[in-house]
N, C-alpha and C. Protein backbone atom coordinates (compact mmCIF):
# COMPACT_ATOMS: atom_id res chain seq x y z
N MET A 1 98.07 84.56 95.54
CA MET A 1 97.68 84.02 94.26
C MET A 1 98.60 82.85 93.94
N HIS A 2 98.04 81.78 93.49
CA HIS A 2 98.83 80.59 93.17
C HIS A 2 99.53 80.75 91.84
N GLU A 3 100.76 80.24 91.75
CA GLU A 3 101.56 80.35 90.53
C GLU A 3 100.83 79.75 89.33
N CYS A 4 100.29 78.57 89.48
CA CYS A 4 99.56 77.91 88.39
C CYS A 4 98.16 77.59 88.86
N MET A 5 97.20 78.10 88.17
CA MET A 5 95.83 77.82 88.52
C MET A 5 95.05 77.59 87.24
N SER A 6 93.99 76.82 87.36
CA SER A 6 93.18 76.58 86.18
C SER A 6 91.98 77.51 86.20
N GLY A 7 91.61 77.99 85.04
CA GLY A 7 90.43 78.84 84.94
C GLY A 7 90.70 80.26 85.38
N VAL A 8 89.61 80.97 85.53
CA VAL A 8 89.64 82.37 85.92
C VAL A 8 88.86 82.52 87.21
N ARG A 9 89.42 83.28 88.15
CA ARG A 9 88.71 83.61 89.39
C ARG A 9 88.38 85.09 89.34
N VAL A 10 87.17 85.44 89.78
CA VAL A 10 86.72 86.82 89.72
C VAL A 10 86.19 87.23 91.09
N TRP A 11 86.62 88.42 91.55
CA TRP A 11 86.14 89.01 92.78
C TRP A 11 85.49 90.34 92.46
N GLY A 12 84.51 90.75 93.26
CA GLY A 12 83.86 92.04 93.05
C GLY A 12 83.69 92.79 94.36
N LEU A 13 83.73 94.10 94.29
CA LEU A 13 83.58 94.96 95.45
C LEU A 13 82.84 96.22 95.01
N SER A 14 81.79 96.59 95.75
CA SER A 14 81.10 97.86 95.52
C SER A 14 81.46 98.81 96.64
N CYS A 15 81.78 100.04 96.29
CA CYS A 15 82.22 101.04 97.27
C CYS A 15 81.39 102.31 97.14
N PRO A 16 81.03 102.93 98.26
CA PRO A 16 80.42 104.25 98.19
C PRO A 16 81.43 105.20 97.54
N GLY A 17 80.94 106.25 96.92
CA GLY A 17 81.81 107.16 96.19
C GLY A 17 82.53 108.18 97.04
N PHE A 18 83.09 107.76 98.16
CA PHE A 18 83.85 108.64 99.04
C PHE A 18 85.34 108.47 98.76
N PRO A 19 86.11 109.54 98.85
CA PRO A 19 87.55 109.43 98.57
C PRO A 19 88.27 108.38 99.40
N GLU A 20 87.88 108.19 100.66
CA GLU A 20 88.57 107.19 101.49
C GLU A 20 88.34 105.76 101.01
N GLU A 21 87.35 105.55 100.16
CA GLU A 21 87.08 104.21 99.63
C GLU A 21 88.13 103.80 98.59
N VAL A 22 88.82 104.77 98.02
CA VAL A 22 89.88 104.46 97.06
C VAL A 22 90.97 103.63 97.76
N GLY A 23 91.34 104.03 98.97
CA GLY A 23 92.34 103.27 99.74
C GLY A 23 91.86 101.86 100.05
N ARG A 24 90.58 101.73 100.39
CA ARG A 24 90.03 100.40 100.68
C ARG A 24 90.09 99.53 99.43
N ALA A 25 89.72 100.09 98.27
CA ALA A 25 89.75 99.32 97.03
C ALA A 25 91.18 98.89 96.68
N ARG A 26 92.13 99.80 96.92
CA ARG A 26 93.54 99.49 96.66
C ARG A 26 94.02 98.36 97.57
N ARG A 27 93.74 98.43 98.87
CA ARG A 27 94.15 97.38 99.82
C ARG A 27 93.49 96.04 99.49
N TRP A 28 92.21 96.08 99.13
CA TRP A 28 91.47 94.88 98.79
C TRP A 28 92.11 94.19 97.59
N THR A 29 92.50 94.98 96.60
CA THR A 29 93.16 94.44 95.41
C THR A 29 94.50 93.81 95.78
N ARG A 30 95.29 94.49 96.61
CA ARG A 30 96.58 93.92 97.05
C ARG A 30 96.38 92.61 97.81
N ASP A 31 95.34 92.55 98.64
CA ASP A 31 95.07 91.32 99.39
C ASP A 31 94.75 90.16 98.45
N ILE A 32 93.94 90.42 97.44
CA ILE A 32 93.59 89.36 96.48
C ILE A 32 94.84 88.88 95.74
N LEU A 33 95.70 89.82 95.38
CA LEU A 33 96.87 89.49 94.56
C LEU A 33 98.14 89.25 95.37
N ARG A 34 98.00 89.07 96.68
CA ARG A 34 99.16 88.85 97.54
C ARG A 34 100.05 87.76 96.95
N GLY A 35 101.32 88.06 96.82
CA GLY A 35 102.29 87.11 96.28
C GLY A 35 102.48 87.23 94.78
N SER A 36 101.65 88.01 94.11
CA SER A 36 101.79 88.18 92.67
C SER A 36 102.72 89.35 92.37
N PRO A 37 103.58 89.21 91.38
CA PRO A 37 104.43 90.34 90.99
C PRO A 37 103.62 91.48 90.36
N LEU A 38 102.36 91.23 90.05
CA LEU A 38 101.50 92.26 89.45
C LEU A 38 100.67 93.03 90.48
N ALA A 39 100.79 92.67 91.75
CA ALA A 39 99.94 93.26 92.80
C ALA A 39 100.09 94.77 92.90
N ASP A 40 101.30 95.28 92.92
CA ASP A 40 101.50 96.73 93.07
C ASP A 40 100.98 97.51 91.87
N ASP A 41 101.25 97.01 90.68
CA ASP A 41 100.74 97.69 89.48
C ASP A 41 99.21 97.68 89.46
N ALA A 42 98.61 96.55 89.79
CA ALA A 42 97.15 96.46 89.81
C ALA A 42 96.56 97.41 90.85
N ALA A 43 97.18 97.49 92.02
CA ALA A 43 96.68 98.38 93.07
C ALA A 43 96.78 99.84 92.65
N LEU A 44 97.86 100.21 91.98
CA LEU A 44 98.01 101.58 91.48
C LEU A 44 96.94 101.89 90.44
N ILE A 45 96.69 100.96 89.55
CA ILE A 45 95.66 101.15 88.53
C ILE A 45 94.28 101.31 89.18
N VAL A 46 93.97 100.48 90.16
CA VAL A 46 92.69 100.59 90.87
C VAL A 46 92.57 101.95 91.53
N SER A 47 93.63 102.42 92.12
CA SER A 47 93.63 103.73 92.76
C SER A 47 93.31 104.84 91.76
N GLU A 48 93.98 104.83 90.63
CA GLU A 48 93.77 105.86 89.61
C GLU A 48 92.37 105.80 89.03
N LEU A 49 91.90 104.61 88.67
CA LEU A 49 90.58 104.48 88.06
C LEU A 49 89.46 104.80 89.04
N SER A 50 89.62 104.41 90.30
CA SER A 50 88.61 104.72 91.32
C SER A 50 88.53 106.22 91.56
N THR A 51 89.69 106.85 91.64
CA THR A 51 89.73 108.31 91.83
C THR A 51 89.06 109.01 90.66
N ASN A 52 89.32 108.56 89.44
CA ASN A 52 88.67 109.16 88.27
C ASN A 52 87.15 109.01 88.35
N ALA A 53 86.69 107.84 88.76
CA ALA A 53 85.24 107.62 88.86
C ALA A 53 84.62 108.60 89.85
N ILE A 54 85.27 108.80 90.98
CA ILE A 54 84.73 109.69 92.02
C ILE A 54 84.79 111.16 91.57
N ARG A 55 85.87 111.54 90.93
CA ARG A 55 86.05 112.95 90.55
C ARG A 55 85.25 113.38 89.33
N HIS A 56 85.02 112.45 88.39
CA HIS A 56 84.50 112.87 87.10
C HIS A 56 83.12 112.31 86.74
N THR A 57 82.50 111.52 87.63
CA THR A 57 81.20 110.94 87.30
C THR A 57 80.26 111.05 88.50
N ALA A 58 79.05 110.56 88.30
CA ALA A 58 78.05 110.57 89.38
C ALA A 58 78.46 109.67 90.54
N SER A 59 79.49 108.87 90.38
CA SER A 59 79.97 108.04 91.48
C SER A 59 80.38 108.88 92.68
N GLY A 60 80.82 110.12 92.45
CA GLY A 60 81.26 110.99 93.52
C GLY A 60 80.15 111.78 94.19
N LEU A 61 78.92 111.63 93.73
CA LEU A 61 77.80 112.31 94.37
C LEU A 61 77.43 111.63 95.68
N ALA A 62 76.59 112.28 96.47
CA ALA A 62 76.24 111.77 97.81
C ALA A 62 75.74 110.33 97.78
N SER A 63 74.98 109.96 96.78
CA SER A 63 74.45 108.58 96.73
C SER A 63 75.22 107.72 95.73
N GLY A 64 76.37 108.20 95.26
CA GLY A 64 77.13 107.50 94.23
C GLY A 64 77.96 106.35 94.76
N SER A 65 78.41 105.53 93.83
CA SER A 65 79.28 104.41 94.17
C SER A 65 80.11 104.04 92.94
N PHE A 66 81.09 103.23 93.15
CA PHE A 66 81.84 102.64 92.04
C PHE A 66 82.01 101.17 92.34
N HIS A 67 82.24 100.41 91.30
CA HIS A 67 82.30 98.95 91.43
C HIS A 67 83.61 98.46 90.84
N LEU A 68 84.27 97.61 91.60
CA LEU A 68 85.57 97.07 91.23
C LEU A 68 85.44 95.57 91.00
N ALA A 69 86.03 95.10 89.92
CA ALA A 69 86.14 93.66 89.67
C ALA A 69 87.60 93.35 89.41
N VAL A 70 88.05 92.24 89.98
CA VAL A 70 89.41 91.74 89.74
C VAL A 70 89.26 90.32 89.20
N ALA A 71 89.77 90.09 88.01
CA ALA A 71 89.75 88.77 87.39
C ALA A 71 91.19 88.29 87.26
N VAL A 72 91.43 87.05 87.70
CA VAL A 72 92.79 86.52 87.72
C VAL A 72 92.81 85.15 87.04
N SER A 73 93.73 85.00 86.11
CA SER A 73 94.03 83.71 85.51
C SER A 73 95.54 83.52 85.60
N ALA A 74 96.03 82.41 85.09
CA ALA A 74 97.47 82.17 85.12
C ALA A 74 98.22 83.17 84.24
N GLN A 75 97.55 83.72 83.23
CA GLN A 75 98.23 84.62 82.30
C GLN A 75 97.90 86.10 82.49
N VAL A 76 96.73 86.43 83.03
CA VAL A 76 96.25 87.81 83.05
C VAL A 76 95.63 88.19 84.39
N VAL A 77 95.91 89.41 84.81
CA VAL A 77 95.15 90.05 85.89
C VAL A 77 94.43 91.22 85.23
N ALA A 78 93.10 91.24 85.36
CA ALA A 78 92.31 92.33 84.80
C ALA A 78 91.57 93.01 85.95
N VAL A 79 91.71 94.33 86.02
CA VAL A 79 90.96 95.10 87.01
C VAL A 79 90.01 96.03 86.25
N SER A 80 88.78 96.10 86.73
CA SER A 80 87.76 96.91 86.09
C SER A 80 87.09 97.80 87.12
N ILE A 81 86.89 99.05 86.77
CA ILE A 81 86.14 99.99 87.59
C ILE A 81 84.95 100.44 86.77
N THR A 82 83.76 100.30 87.34
CA THR A 82 82.53 100.76 86.71
C THR A 82 82.00 101.94 87.52
N ASP A 83 81.73 103.04 86.81
CA ASP A 83 81.23 104.23 87.49
C ASP A 83 79.71 104.33 87.35
N ASP A 84 79.13 105.35 87.98
CA ASP A 84 77.68 105.56 87.95
C ASP A 84 77.22 106.46 86.80
N GLY A 85 78.11 106.77 85.88
CA GLY A 85 77.72 107.58 84.73
C GLY A 85 77.58 109.05 85.08
N GLY A 86 76.70 109.72 84.38
CA GLY A 86 76.48 111.13 84.63
C GLY A 86 77.36 112.03 83.80
N THR A 87 78.09 111.46 82.87
CA THR A 87 78.93 112.24 81.97
C THR A 87 78.74 111.71 80.56
N ARG A 88 78.77 112.58 79.60
CA ARG A 88 78.61 112.15 78.21
C ARG A 88 79.92 111.72 77.59
N ALA A 89 81.01 112.24 78.12
CA ALA A 89 82.32 111.96 77.55
C ALA A 89 82.91 110.68 78.12
N ALA A 90 83.33 109.80 77.25
CA ALA A 90 83.99 108.57 77.69
C ALA A 90 85.36 108.90 78.25
N PRO A 91 85.82 108.12 79.23
CA PRO A 91 87.18 108.31 79.73
C PRO A 91 88.18 108.16 78.58
N LYS A 92 89.17 109.05 78.54
CA LYS A 92 90.17 108.98 77.48
C LYS A 92 91.48 109.56 78.01
N VAL A 93 92.54 109.13 77.37
CA VAL A 93 93.87 109.63 77.71
C VAL A 93 93.99 111.05 77.20
N GLU A 94 94.38 111.96 78.09
CA GLU A 94 94.60 113.34 77.70
C GLU A 94 96.06 113.69 77.94
N HIS A 95 96.65 114.35 77.01
CA HIS A 95 98.06 114.74 77.13
C HIS A 95 98.12 116.10 77.81
N GLN A 96 98.71 116.13 79.00
CA GLN A 96 98.82 117.35 79.80
C GLN A 96 100.23 117.90 79.73
N ASP A 97 100.35 119.22 79.90
CA ASP A 97 101.69 119.78 79.98
C ASP A 97 102.29 119.45 81.34
N HIS A 98 103.56 119.68 81.51
CA HIS A 98 104.27 119.29 82.72
C HIS A 98 103.80 120.04 83.96
N ALA A 99 103.19 121.19 83.81
CA ALA A 99 102.75 121.99 84.96
C ALA A 99 101.35 121.60 85.44
N ALA A 100 100.62 120.80 84.66
CA ALA A 100 99.26 120.42 85.04
C ALA A 100 99.26 119.59 86.32
N GLU A 101 98.28 119.87 87.19
CA GLU A 101 98.18 119.15 88.46
C GLU A 101 97.25 117.95 88.37
N HIS A 102 96.43 117.86 87.34
CA HIS A 102 95.48 116.76 87.17
C HIS A 102 95.51 116.31 85.72
N GLY A 103 94.85 115.18 85.45
CA GLY A 103 94.68 114.75 84.08
C GLY A 103 95.66 113.72 83.58
N ARG A 104 96.46 113.15 84.48
CA ARG A 104 97.44 112.16 84.04
C ARG A 104 97.08 110.72 84.42
N GLY A 105 96.00 110.53 85.16
CA GLY A 105 95.65 109.21 85.68
C GLY A 105 95.50 108.15 84.63
N LEU A 106 94.68 108.41 83.62
CA LEU A 106 94.46 107.40 82.59
C LEU A 106 95.70 107.22 81.71
N SER A 107 96.49 108.26 81.56
CA SER A 107 97.77 108.12 80.84
C SER A 107 98.70 107.17 81.59
N MET A 108 98.73 107.32 82.92
CA MET A 108 99.56 106.45 83.74
C MET A 108 99.07 105.01 83.65
N VAL A 109 97.75 104.82 83.73
CA VAL A 109 97.18 103.48 83.63
C VAL A 109 97.56 102.87 82.28
N SER A 110 97.45 103.64 81.21
CA SER A 110 97.80 103.14 79.88
C SER A 110 99.27 102.78 79.76
N ALA A 111 100.12 103.49 80.48
CA ALA A 111 101.56 103.20 80.44
C ALA A 111 101.90 101.93 81.22
N ILE A 112 101.16 101.65 82.28
CA ILE A 112 101.44 100.48 83.12
C ILE A 112 100.80 99.21 82.56
N ALA A 113 99.54 99.33 82.13
CA ALA A 113 98.78 98.16 81.68
C ALA A 113 99.22 97.75 80.27
N HIS A 114 99.04 96.49 79.97
CA HIS A 114 99.32 96.00 78.63
C HIS A 114 98.17 96.31 77.68
N ARG A 115 96.97 96.47 78.25
CA ARG A 115 95.78 96.77 77.44
C ARG A 115 94.78 97.49 78.32
N VAL A 116 94.14 98.54 77.78
CA VAL A 116 93.08 99.27 78.48
C VAL A 116 91.89 99.37 77.54
N VAL A 117 90.72 99.01 78.05
CA VAL A 117 89.50 99.02 77.25
C VAL A 117 88.43 99.79 78.02
N VAL A 118 87.67 100.64 77.30
CA VAL A 118 86.56 101.37 77.90
C VAL A 118 85.27 100.87 77.27
N HIS A 119 84.35 100.44 78.12
CA HIS A 119 83.02 100.00 77.68
C HIS A 119 81.99 100.98 78.22
N SER A 120 81.01 101.30 77.39
CA SER A 120 79.93 102.16 77.87
C SER A 120 78.64 101.37 77.97
N SER A 121 77.77 101.81 78.87
CA SER A 121 76.45 101.23 79.02
C SER A 121 75.50 102.36 79.41
N ASP A 122 74.24 102.05 79.57
CA ASP A 122 73.28 103.07 80.00
C ASP A 122 73.57 103.56 81.41
N GLN A 123 74.25 102.75 82.22
CA GLN A 123 74.54 103.11 83.61
C GLN A 123 75.83 103.91 83.78
N GLY A 124 76.75 103.82 82.84
CA GLY A 124 78.02 104.51 82.99
C GLY A 124 79.10 103.85 82.16
N TYR A 125 80.33 103.99 82.61
CA TYR A 125 81.48 103.43 81.89
C TYR A 125 82.22 102.43 82.76
N THR A 126 82.77 101.43 82.09
CA THR A 126 83.67 100.48 82.75
C THR A 126 85.02 100.58 82.06
N VAL A 127 86.05 100.83 82.86
CA VAL A 127 87.41 100.86 82.34
C VAL A 127 88.11 99.61 82.86
N THR A 128 88.61 98.81 81.94
CA THR A 128 89.31 97.58 82.29
C THR A 128 90.76 97.69 81.86
N ALA A 129 91.66 97.39 82.79
CA ALA A 129 93.09 97.37 82.52
C ALA A 129 93.59 95.95 82.71
N GLU A 130 94.32 95.46 81.72
CA GLU A 130 94.86 94.11 81.78
C GLU A 130 96.37 94.15 81.95
N LEU A 131 96.85 93.30 82.85
CA LEU A 131 98.28 93.12 83.08
C LEU A 131 98.59 91.66 82.76
N TYR A 132 99.58 91.44 81.92
CA TYR A 132 99.94 90.08 81.53
C TYR A 132 101.06 89.57 82.41
N ALA A 133 100.92 88.34 82.86
CA ALA A 133 101.94 87.71 83.70
C ALA A 133 103.25 87.58 82.93
N ASP A 134 103.14 87.32 81.65
CA ASP A 134 104.29 87.25 80.76
C ASP A 134 104.03 88.29 79.69
N ALA A 135 104.93 89.22 79.51
CA ALA A 135 104.69 90.34 78.60
C ALA A 135 104.40 89.89 77.16
N ARG A 136 104.83 88.70 76.80
CA ARG A 136 104.49 88.20 75.47
C ARG A 136 103.04 87.78 75.45
N LEU A 137 102.30 88.19 74.44
CA LEU A 137 100.89 87.84 74.31
C LEU A 137 100.72 86.34 74.41
N GLY A 138 99.78 85.90 75.19
CA GLY A 138 99.54 84.49 75.37
C GLY A 138 100.05 83.99 76.71
N GLY A 139 100.91 84.75 77.35
CA GLY A 139 101.36 84.38 78.69
C GLY A 139 102.19 83.14 78.72
N ARG A 140 102.32 82.59 79.91
CA ARG A 140 103.10 81.36 80.08
C ARG A 140 102.16 80.22 80.43
N SER A 141 102.60 79.03 80.21
CA SER A 141 101.77 77.87 80.57
C SER A 141 102.30 77.27 81.86
N CYS A 142 101.44 76.55 82.52
CA CYS A 142 101.80 75.93 83.81
C CYS A 142 102.50 74.61 83.61
């Protein structure tokens, strides 16, 4: 990723809803963000959100899939995972006790990202996590 770039670049990837596709989505994200200090955080977020889509929605069914978008500007990296729906409950942060083995993914994403937004549609949910290049709102200029 170039230090200073104009505009926003967006990449998209559709993956079958198999667990091994989470690793592919994570590697793909790291490749796009190679050289960015946000690459590891973005890859971790993609891993958590992809896993949630497979475990908790129709994305994990035999014919399911999830869709990843990575948008990059000079100030923000935004990663979005769209699932295939099949659940009435929107993704939300749940507070788990220390002994719980599951249920911390979205909490972790919320702790890492500067902003997390959930959008619903007739097809499912899209969870977008934004990472700011400069922690101050507005980022840095080139």
